[in-house]
Amino acid sequence: MPLVKVKQKFQVTLPASVRRKMEVAVGDLLEADVRGKKITLTPKVAVDRALIEKRLAESFEDFRKGRVHGPFSSTKEVTRALRAGKSRKTA
C-alpha cells in the first residue's frame, strides 16, 4: 500500500497506481469523508442543474406534442429498436 505525504497547504498526491485503479483524472471531483480515523475519497460528478432543467422541459414539450416512441413490450424490444435506430411511434 503506497504512502502519501501531506505537503504545503495540506495537499496530497495520489499515487499513479491508485489513480489508474480508480480512473481519476486531472479536474475530477472527489468527495472527502472522515469516519473515525479514516479519510475516504469518492469520485463524484457535478451536474449542471440549469442544463438538466432545460432538457427536462424539452422532454416534456416533446411528450405534450406526441413526439414519443413505444410502447414496447419488453426490454429486448427496446434494445432491438435502439440498435436498429428506429422506434414505433405512437399517435
PDB file of N, CA and C in Angstrom:
ATOM      1  N   MET A   1       0.857  -1.170   0.000  1.00  0.00           N
ATOM      2  CA  MET A   1       0.000   0.000   0.000  1.00  0.00           C
ATOM      3  C   MET A   1       0.906   1.235   0.000  1.00  0.00           C
ATOM      4  N   PRO A   2       0.754   2.098  -1.015  1.00  0.00           N
ATOM      5  CA  PRO A   2       1.613   3.275  -1.110  1.00  0.00           C
ATOM      6  C   PRO A   2       1.315   4.303  -0.018  1.00  0.00           C
ATOM      7  N   LEU A   3       2.360   5.001   0.401  1.00  0.00           N
ATOM      8  CA  LEU A   3       2.207   6.078   1.372  1.00  0.00           C
ATOM      9  C   LEU A   3       2.175   7.413   0.648  1.00  0.00           C
ATOM     10  N   VAL A   4       1.425   8.364   1.192  1.00  0.00           N
ATOM     11  CA  VAL A   4       1.398   9.717   0.650  1.00  0.00           C
ATOM     12  C   VAL A   4       1.795  10.676   1.764  1.00  0.00           C
ATOM     13  N   LYS A   5       2.450  11.749   1.374  1.00  0.00           N
ATOM     14  CA  LYS A   5       2.916  12.738   2.332  1.00  0.00           C
ATOM     15  C   LYS A   5       2.056  13.993   2.235  1.00  0.00           C
ATOM     16  N   VAL A   6       1.674  14.541   3.384  1.00  0.00           N
ATOM     17  CA  VAL A   6       0.928  15.789   3.421  1.00  0.00           C
ATOM     18  C   VAL A   6       1.929  16.918   3.188  1.00  0.00           C
ATOM     19  N   LYS A   7       1.673  17.745   2.184  1.00  0.00           N
ATOM     20  CA  LYS A   7       2.601  18.807   1.797  1.00  0.00           C
ATOM     21  C   LYS A   7       2.054  20.174   2.186  1.00  0.00           C
ATOM     22  N   GLN A   8       2.681  21.222   1.643  1.00  0.00           N
ATOM     23  CA  GLN A   8       2.236  22.592   1.893  1.00  0.00           C
ATOM     24  C   GLN A   8       0.739  22.702   1.610  1.00  0.00           C
ATOM     25  N   LYS A   9       0.064  23.508   2.366  1.00  0.00           N
ATOM     26  CA  LYS A   9      -1.378  23.736   2.213  1.00  0.00           C
ATOM     27  C   LYS A   9      -2.171  22.431   2.353  1.00  0.00           C
ATOM     28  N   PHE A  10      -1.589  21.449   3.014  1.00  0.00           N
ATOM     29  CA  PHE A  10      -2.225  20.161   3.296  1.00  0.00           C
ATOM     30  C   PHE A  10      -2.601  19.388   2.034  1.00  0.00           C
ATOM     31  N   GLN A  11      -1.828  19.549   0.976  1.00  0.00           N
ATOM     32  CA  GLN A  11      -2.078  18.843  -0.273  1.00  0.00           C
ATOM     33  C   GLN A  11      -1.424  17.462  -0.248  1.00  0.00           C
ATOM     34  N   VAL A  12      -2.085  16.508  -0.907  1.00  0.00           N
ATOM     35  CA  VAL A  12      -1.520  15.166  -1.076  1.00  0.00           C
ATOM     36  C   VAL A  12      -1.576  14.806  -2.552  1.00  0.00           C
ATOM     37  N   THR A  13      -0.681  13.961  -2.997  1.00  0.00           N
ATOM     38  CA  THR A  13      -0.669  13.476  -4.374  1.00  0.00           C
ATOM     39  C   THR A  13      -1.084  12.016  -4.367  1.00  0.00           C
ATOM     40  N   LEU A  14      -2.072  11.692  -5.173  1.00  0.00           N
ATOM     41  CA  LEU A  14      -2.498  10.293  -5.270  1.00  0.00           C
ATOM     42  C   LEU A  14      -1.463   9.524  -6.085  1.00  0.00           C
ATOM     43  N   PRO A  15      -0.987   8.398  -5.590  1.00  0.00           N
ATOM     44  CA  PRO A  15      -0.026   7.599  -6.354  1.00  0.00           C
ATOM     45  C   PRO A  15      -0.635   7.143  -7.685  1.00  0.00           C
ATOM     46  N   ALA A  16       0.225   6.994  -8.694  1.00  0.00           N
ATOM     47  CA  ALA A  16      -0.227   6.598 -10.037  1.00  0.00           C
ATOM     48  C   ALA A  16      -1.038   5.307 -10.000  1.00  0.00           C
ATOM     49  N   SER A  17      -0.621   4.339  -9.181  1.00  0.00           N
ATOM     50  CA  SER A  17      -1.344   3.057  -9.130  1.00  0.00           C
ATOM     51  C   SER A  17      -2.779   3.258  -8.631  1.00  0.00           C
ATOM     52  N   VAL A  18      -2.966   4.171  -7.689  1.00  0.00           N
ATOM     53  CA  VAL A  18      -4.306   4.458  -7.158  1.00  0.00           C
ATOM     54  C   VAL A  18      -5.129   5.196  -8.211  1.00  0.00           C
ATOM     55  N   ARG A  19      -4.514   6.188  -8.876  1.00  0.00           N
ATOM     56  CA  ARG A  19      -5.224   6.950  -9.917  1.00  0.00           C
ATOM     57  C   ARG A  19      -5.685   6.035 -11.038  1.00  0.00           C
ATOM     58  N   ARG A  20      -4.817   5.126 -11.465  1.00  0.00           N
ATOM     59  CA  ARG A  20      -5.197   4.201 -12.557  1.00  0.00           C
ATOM     60  C   ARG A  20      -6.323   3.272 -12.119  1.00  0.00           C
ATOM     61  N   LYS A  21      -6.192   2.728 -10.927  1.00  0.00           N
ATOM     62  CA  LYS A  21      -7.196   1.785 -10.429  1.00  0.00           C
ATOM     63  C   LYS A  21      -8.564   2.451 -10.296  1.00  0.00           C
ATOM     64  N   MET A  22      -8.591   3.708  -9.849  1.00  0.00           N
ATOM     65  CA  MET A  22      -9.844   4.428  -9.647  1.00  0.00           C
ATOM     66  C   MET A  22     -10.237   5.272 -10.851  1.00  0.00           C
ATOM     67  N   GLU A  23      -9.395   5.285 -11.892  1.00  0.00           N
ATOM     68  CA  GLU A  23      -9.640   6.052 -13.122  1.00  0.00           C
ATOM     69  C   GLU A  23      -9.892   7.530 -12.807  1.00  0.00           C
ATOM     70  N   VAL A  24      -9.044   8.101 -11.946  1.00  0.00           N
ATOM     71  CA  VAL A  24      -9.134   9.512 -11.581  1.00  0.00           C
ATOM     72  C   VAL A  24      -8.254  10.310 -12.533  1.00  0.00           C
ATOM     73  N   ALA A  25      -8.797  11.413 -13.062  1.00  0.00           N
ATOM     74  CA  ALA A  25      -8.057  12.261 -13.990  1.00  0.00           C
ATOM     75  C   ALA A  25      -7.990  13.686 -13.450  1.00  0.00           C
ATOM     76  N   VAL A  26      -7.091  14.469 -14.025  1.00  0.00           N
ATOM     77  CA  VAL A  26      -6.965  15.874 -13.640  1.00  0.00           C
ATOM     78  C   VAL A  26      -8.309  16.571 -13.846  1.00  0.00           C
ATOM     79  N   GLY A  27      -8.750  17.310 -12.856  1.00  0.00           N
ATOM     80  CA  GLY A  27     -10.019  18.029 -12.942  1.00  0.00           C
ATOM     81  C   GLY A  27     -11.202  17.275 -12.362  1.00  0.00           C
ATOM     82  N   ASP A  28     -11.037  15.981 -12.078  1.00  0.00           N
ATOM     83  CA  ASP A  28     -12.128  15.210 -11.474  1.00  0.00           C
ATOM     84  C   ASP A  28     -12.416  15.723 -10.071  1.00  0.00           C
ATOM     85  N   LEU A  29     -13.638  15.522  -9.624  1.00  0.00           N
ATOM     86  CA  LEU A  29     -14.039  15.906  -8.278  1.00  0.00           C
ATOM     87  C   LEU A  29     -14.050  14.676  -7.379  1.00  0.00           C
ATOM     88  N   LEU A  30     -13.527  14.844  -6.160  1.00  0.00           N
ATOM     89  CA  LEU A  30     -13.539  13.777  -5.174  1.00  0.00           C
ATOM     90  C   LEU A  30     -14.219  14.305  -3.915  1.00  0.00           C
ATOM     91  N   GLU A  31     -15.121  13.508  -3.362  1.00  0.00           N
ATOM     92  CA  GLU A  31     -15.757  13.866  -2.100  1.00  0.00           C
ATOM     93  C   GLU A  31     -14.907  13.288  -0.977  1.00  0.00           C
ATOM     94  N   ALA A  32     -14.550  14.134  -0.008  1.00  0.00           N
ATOM     95  CA  ALA A  32     -13.753  13.691   1.139  1.00  0.00           C
ATOM     96  C   ALA A  32     -14.677  13.451   2.323  1.00  0.00           C
ATOM     97  N   ASP A  33     -14.533  12.279   2.945  1.00  0.00           N
ATOM     98  CA  ASP A  33     -15.365  11.916   4.087  1.00  0.00           C
ATOM     99  C   ASP A  33     -14.454  11.391   5.186  1.00  0.00           C
ATOM    100  N   VAL A  34     -14.772  11.721   6.425  1.00  0.00           N
ATOM    101  CA  VAL A  34     -13.987  11.258   7.569  1.00  0.00           C
ATOM    102  C   VAL A  34     -14.880  10.390   8.432  1.00  0.00           C
ATOM    103  N   ARG A  35     -14.414   9.190   8.694  1.00  0.00           N
ATOM    104  CA  ARG A  35     -15.116   8.272   9.601  1.00  0.00           C
ATOM    105  C   ARG A  35     -14.084   7.715  10.564  1.00  0.00           C
ATOM    106  N   GLY A  36     -14.234   8.098  11.803  1.00  0.00           N
ATOM    107  CA  GLY A  36     -13.242   7.686  12.794  1.00  0.00           C
ATOM    108  C   GLY A  36     -11.897   8.286  12.439  1.00  0.00           C
ATOM    109  N   LYS A  37     -10.916   7.447  12.214  1.00  0.00           N
ATOM    110  CA  LYS A  37      -9.565   7.893  11.857  1.00  0.00           C
ATOM    111  C   LYS A  37      -9.261   7.661  10.386  1.00  0.00           C
ATOM    112  N   LYS A  38     -10.285   7.426   9.574  1.00  0.00           N
ATOM    113  CA  LYS A  38     -10.077   7.150   8.145  1.00  0.00           C
ATOM    114  C   LYS A  38     -10.634   8.276   7.285  1.00  0.00           C
ATOM    115  N   ILE A  39      -9.900   8.605   6.228  1.00  0.00           N
ATOM    116  CA  ILE A  39     -10.349   9.567   5.223  1.00  0.00           C
ATOM    117  C   ILE A  39     -10.676   8.768   3.967  1.00  0.00           C
ATOM    118  N   THR A  40     -11.874   8.964   3.430  1.00  0.00           N
ATOM    119  CA  THR A  40     -12.279   8.276   2.208  1.00  0.00           C
ATOM    120  C   THR A  40     -12.510   9.308   1.116  1.00  0.00           C
ATOM    121  N   LEU A  41     -11.915   9.076  -0.055  1.00  0.00           N
ATOM    122  CA  LEU A  41     -12.129   9.933  -1.218  1.00  0.00           C
ATOM    123  C   LEU A  41     -12.977   9.161  -2.212  1.00  0.00           C
ATOM    124  N   THR A  42     -14.120   9.749  -2.603  1.00  0.00           N
ATOM    125  CA  THR A  42     -15.035   9.092  -3.524  1.00  0.00           C
ATOM    126  C   THR A  42     -15.218   9.968  -4.770  1.00  0.00           C
ATOM    127  N   PRO A  43     -14.972   9.420  -5.969  1.00  0.00           N
ATOM    128  CA  PRO A  43     -15.189  10.211  -7.193  1.00  0.00           C
ATOM    129  C   PRO A  43     -16.648  10.638  -7.298  1.00  0.00           C
ATOM    130  N   LYS A  44     -16.868  11.900  -7.678  1.00  0.00           N
ATOM    131  CA  LYS A  44     -18.210  12.452  -7.838  1.00  0.00           C
ATOM    132  C   LYS A  44     -18.312  13.177  -9.168  1.00  0.00           C
ATOM    133  N   VAL A  45     -19.540  13.351  -9.637  1.00  0.00           N
ATOM    134  CA  VAL A  45     -19.794  14.071 -10.877  1.00  0.00           C
ATOM    135  C   VAL A  45     -20.681  15.269 -10.552  1.00  0.00           C
ATOM    136  N   ALA A  46     -20.270  16.431 -10.999  1.00  0.00           N
ATOM    137  CA  ALA A  46     -21.086  17.627 -10.810  1.00  0.00           C
ATOM    138  C   ALA A  46     -22.083  17.716 -11.962  1.00  0.00           C
ATOM    139  N   VAL A  47     -23.300  18.093 -11.646  1.00  0.00           N
ATOM    140  CA  VAL A  47     -24.342  18.183 -12.656  1.00  0.00           C
ATOM    141  C   VAL A  47     -24.807  19.631 -12.749  1.00  0.00           C
ATOM    142  N   ASP A  48     -24.901  20.117 -13.959  1.00  0.00           N
ATOM    143  CA  ASP A  48     -25.383  21.478 -14.186  1.00  0.00           C
ATOM    144  C   ASP A  48     -26.904  21.469 -14.099  1.00  0.00           C
ATOM    145  N   ARG A  49     -27.429  21.991 -13.001  1.00  0.00           N
ATOM    146  CA  ARG A  49     -28.871  21.956 -12.751  1.00  0.00           C
ATOM    147  C   ARG A  49     -29.661  22.674 -13.845  1.00  0.00           C
ATOM    148  N   ALA A  50     -29.145  23.812 -14.328  1.00  0.00           N
ATOM    149  CA  ALA A  50     -29.850  24.571 -15.370  1.00  0.00           C
ATOM    150  C   ALA A  50     -29.972  23.742 -16.642  1.00  0.00           C
ATOM    151  N   LEU A  51     -28.917  23.003 -16.993  1.00  0.00           N
ATOM    152  CA  LEU A  51     -28.947  22.163 -18.192  1.00  0.00           C
ATOM    153  C   LEU A  51     -29.965  21.032 -18.030  1.00  0.00           C
ATOM    154  N   ILE A  52     -30.009  20.432 -16.867  1.00  0.00           N
ATOM    155  CA  ILE A  52     -30.968  19.348 -16.630  1.00  0.00           C
ATOM    156  C   ILE A  52     -32.398  19.877 -16.715  1.00  0.00           C
ATOM    157  N   GLU A  53     -32.631  21.037 -16.117  1.00  0.00           N
ATOM    158  CA  GLU A  53     -33.977  21.615 -16.174  1.00  0.00           C
ATOM    159  C   GLU A  53     -34.372  21.925 -17.608  1.00  0.00           C
ATOM    160  N   LYS A  54     -33.415  22.411 -18.408  1.00  0.00           N
ATOM    161  CA  LYS A  54     -33.694  22.704 -19.822  1.00  0.00           C
ATOM    162  C   LYS A  54     -34.045  21.418 -20.569  1.00  0.00           C
ATOM    163  N   ARG A  55     -33.253  20.371 -20.366  1.00  0.00           N
ATOM    164  CA  ARG A  55     -33.505  19.098 -21.053  1.00  0.00           C
ATOM    165  C   ARG A  55     -34.831  18.482 -20.625  1.00  0.00           C
ATOM    166  N   LEU A  56     -35.172  18.600 -19.342  1.00  0.00           N
ATOM    167  CA  LEU A  56     -36.462  18.090 -18.880  1.00  0.00           C
ATOM    168  C   LEU A  56     -37.612  18.849 -19.524  1.00  0.00           C
ATOM    169  N   ALA A  57     -37.477  20.169 -19.617  1.00  0.00           N
ATOM    170  CA  ALA A  57     -38.519  20.985 -20.251  1.00  0.00           C
ATOM    171  C   ALA A  57     -38.690  20.574 -21.714  1.00  0.00           C
ATOM    172  N   GLU A  58     -37.571  20.335 -22.410  1.00  0.00           N
ATOM    173  CA  GLU A  58     -37.641  19.889 -23.807  1.00  0.00           C
ATOM    174  C   GLU A  58     -38.319  18.526 -23.908  1.00  0.00           C
ATOM    175  N   SER A  59     -38.013  17.639 -22.973  1.00  0.00           N
ATOM    176  CA  SER A  59     -38.616  16.303 -22.978  1.00  0.00           C
ATOM    177  C   SER A  59     -40.121  16.383 -22.763  1.00  0.00           C
ATOM    178  N   PHE A  60     -40.543  17.221 -21.803  1.00  0.00           N
ATOM    179  CA  PHE A  60     -41.976  17.372 -21.542  1.00  0.00           C
ATOM    180  C   PHE A  60     -42.680  17.976 -22.753  1.00  0.00           C
ATOM    181  N   GLU A  61     -42.032  18.910 -23.415  1.00  0.00           N
ATOM    182  CA  GLU A  61     -42.609  19.511 -24.625  1.00  0.00           C
ATOM    183  C   GLU A  61     -42.774  18.452 -25.713  1.00  0.00           C
ATOM    184  N   ASP A  62     -41.773  17.608 -25.900  1.00  0.00           N
ATOM    185  CA  ASP A  62     -41.878  16.510 -26.867  1.00  0.00           C
ATOM    186  C   ASP A  62     -43.056  15.606 -26.518  1.00  0.00           C
ATOM    187  N   PHE A  63     -43.192  15.295 -25.245  1.00  0.00           N
ATOM    188  CA  PHE A  63     -44.284  14.430 -24.802  1.00  0.00           C
ATOM    189  C   PHE A  63     -45.635  15.079 -25.088  1.00  0.00           C
ATOM    190  N   ARG A  64     -45.774  16.374 -24.754  1.00  0.00           N
ATOM    191  CA  ARG A  64     -47.037  17.081 -24.992  1.00  0.00           C
ATOM    192  C   ARG A  64     -47.396  17.106 -26.475  1.00  0.00           C
ATOM    193  N   LYS A  65     -46.384  17.197 -27.341  1.00  0.00           N
ATOM    194  CA  LYS A  65     -46.635  17.267 -28.780  1.00  0.00           C
ATOM    195  C   LYS A  65     -46.727  15.891 -29.434  1.00  0.00           C
ATOM    196  N   GLY A  66     -46.668  14.844 -28.613  1.00  0.00           N
ATOM    197  CA  GLY A  66     -46.820  13.500 -29.145  1.00  0.00           C
ATOM    198  C   GLY A  66     -45.575  12.926 -29.783  1.00  0.00           C
ATOM    199  N   ARG A  67     -44.434  13.554 -29.578  1.00  0.00           N
ATOM    200  CA  ARG A  67     -43.178  13.036 -30.140  1.00  0.00           C
ATOM    201  C   ARG A  67     -42.572  12.040 -29.163  1.00  0.00           C
ATOM    202  N   VAL A  68     -43.188  10.851 -29.122  1.00  0.00           N
ATOM    203  CA  VAL A  68     -42.747   9.803 -28.205  1.00  0.00           C
ATOM    204  C   VAL A  68     -42.618   8.493 -28.970  1.00  0.00           C
ATOM    205  N   HIS A  69     -41.942   7.537 -28.396  1.00  0.00           N
ATOM    206  CA  HIS A  69     -41.751   6.220 -29.000  1.00  0.00           C
ATOM    207  C   HIS A  69     -42.313   5.157 -28.065  1.00  0.00           C
ATOM    208  N   GLY A  70     -42.758   4.065 -28.651  1.00  0.00           N
ATOM    209  CA  GLY A  70     -43.268   2.984 -27.839  1.00  0.00           C
ATOM    210  C   GLY A  70     -44.767   2.846 -28.057  1.00  0.00           C
ATOM    211  N   PRO A  71     -45.461   2.106 -27.262  1.00  0.00           N
ATOM    212  CA  PRO A  71     -44.906   1.357 -26.129  1.00  0.00           C
ATOM    213  C   PRO A  71     -44.166   0.108 -26.590  1.00  0.00           C
ATOM    214  N   PHE A  72     -43.260  -0.333 -25.767  1.00  0.00           N
ATOM    215  CA  PHE A  72     -42.518  -1.560 -26.048  1.00  0.00           C
ATOM    216  C   PHE A  72     -42.964  -2.614 -25.050  1.00  0.00           C
ATOM    217  N   SER A  73     -43.003  -3.852 -25.487  1.00  0.00           N
ATOM    218  CA  SER A  73     -43.496  -4.913 -24.610  1.00  0.00           C
ATOM    219  C   SER A  73     -42.394  -5.561 -23.781  1.00  0.00           C
ATOM    220  N   SER A  74     -41.137  -5.286 -24.119  1.00  0.00           N
ATOM    221  CA  SER A  74     -40.047  -5.874 -23.343  1.00  0.00           C
ATOM    222  C   SER A  74     -38.779  -5.031 -23.502  1.00  0.00           C
ATOM    223  N   THR A  75     -37.835  -5.271 -22.627  1.00  0.00           N
ATOM    224  CA  THR A  75     -36.553  -4.560 -22.740  1.00  0.00           C
ATOM    225  C   THR A  75     -35.793  -5.014 -23.977  1.00  0.00           C
ATOM    226  N   LYS A  76     -35.987  -6.263 -24.368  1.00  0.00           N
ATOM    227  CA  LYS A  76     -35.336  -6.754 -25.596  1.00  0.00           C
ATOM    228  C   LYS A  76     -35.841  -5.982 -26.815  1.00  0.00           C
ATOM    229  N   GLU A  77     -37.130  -5.695 -26.838  1.00  0.00           N
ATOM    230  CA  GLU A  77     -37.713  -4.943 -27.944  1.00  0.00           C
ATOM    231  C   GLU A  77     -37.141  -3.518 -27.986  1.00  0.00           C
ATOM    232  N   VAL A  78     -36.976  -2.904 -26.815  1.00  0.00           N
ATOM    233  CA  VAL A  78     -36.382  -1.562 -26.748  1.00  0.00           C
ATOM    234  C   VAL A  78     -34.952  -1.610 -27.269  1.00  0.00           C
ATOM    235  N   THR A  79     -34.189  -2.592 -26.831  1.00  0.00           N
ATOM    236  CA  THR A  79     -32.794  -2.727 -27.242  1.00  0.00           C
ATOM    237  C   THR A  79     -32.692  -2.921 -28.747  1.00  0.00           C
ATOM    238  N   ARG A  80     -33.541  -3.787 -29.303  1.00  0.00           N
ATOM    239  CA  ARG A  80     -33.525  -4.007 -30.754  1.00  0.00           C
ATOM    240  C   ARG A  80     -33.848  -2.717 -31.498  1.00  0.00           C
ATOM    241  N   ALA A  81     -34.837  -1.966 -31.009  1.00  0.00           N
ATOM    242  CA  ALA A  81     -35.228  -0.717 -31.670  1.00  0.00           C
ATOM    243  C   ALA A  81     -34.099   0.309 -31.609  1.00  0.00           C
ATOM    244  N   LEU A  82     -33.438   0.409 -30.470  1.00  0.00           N
ATOM    245  CA  LEU A  82     -32.327   1.356 -30.347  1.00  0.00           C
ATOM    246  C   LEU A  82     -31.173   0.981 -31.272  1.00  0.00           C
ATOM    247  N   ARG A  83     -30.872  -0.309 -31.326  1.00  0.00           N
ATOM    248  CA  ARG A  83     -29.771  -0.754 -32.194  1.00  0.00           C
ATOM    249  C   ARG A  83     -30.114  -0.555 -33.671  1.00  0.00           C
ATOM    250  N   ALA A  84     -31.372  -0.707 -34.012  1.00  0.00           N
ATOM    251  CA  ALA A  84     -31.800  -0.550 -35.395  1.00  0.00           C
ATOM    252  C   ALA A  84     -31.951   0.930 -35.767  1.00  0.00           C
ATOM    253  N   GLY A  85     -31.999   1.787 -34.757  1.00  0.00           N
ATOM    254  CA  GLY A  85     -32.124   3.214 -34.997  1.00  0.00           C
ATOM    255  C   GLY A  85     -33.533   3.650 -35.343  1.00  0.00           C
ATOM    256  N   LYS A  86     -34.485   2.836 -35.032  1.00  0.00           N
ATOM    257  CA  LYS A  86     -35.876   3.196 -35.289  1.00  0.00           C
ATOM    258  C   LYS A  86     -36.761   2.716 -34.160  1.00  0.00           C
ATOM    259  N   SER A  87     -37.859   3.366 -33.952  1.00  0.00           N
ATOM    260  CA  SER A  87     -38.808   3.006 -32.905  1.00  0.00           C
ATOM    261  C   SER A  87     -40.208   3.125 -33.421  1.00  0.00           C
ATOM    262  N   ARG A  88     -41.121   2.393 -32.796  1.00  0.00           N
ATOM    263  CA  ARG A  88     -42.529   2.546 -33.146  1.00  0.00           C
ATOM    264  C   ARG A  88     -43.022   3.847 -32.548  1.00  0.00           C
ATOM    265  N   LYS A  89     -43.690   4.640 -33.351  1.00  0.00           N
ATOM    266  CA  LYS A  89     -44.249   5.920 -32.860  1.00  0.00           C
ATOM    267  C   LYS A  89     -45.683   5.709 -32.456  1.00  0.00           C
ATOM    268  N   THR A  90     -46.050   6.468 -31.422  1.00  0.00           N
ATOM    269  CA  THR A  90     -47.455   6.457 -31.032  1.00  0.00           C
ATOM    270  C   THR A  90     -48.067   7.760 -31.500  1.00  0.00           C
ATOM    271  N   ALA A  91     -49.352   7.738 -31.726  1.00  0.00           N
ATOM    272  CA  ALA A  91     -50.045   8.932 -32.230  1.00  0.00           C
ATOM    273  C   ALA A  91     -50.387   9.872 -31.119  1.00  0.00           C
TER     274      ALA A  91
END
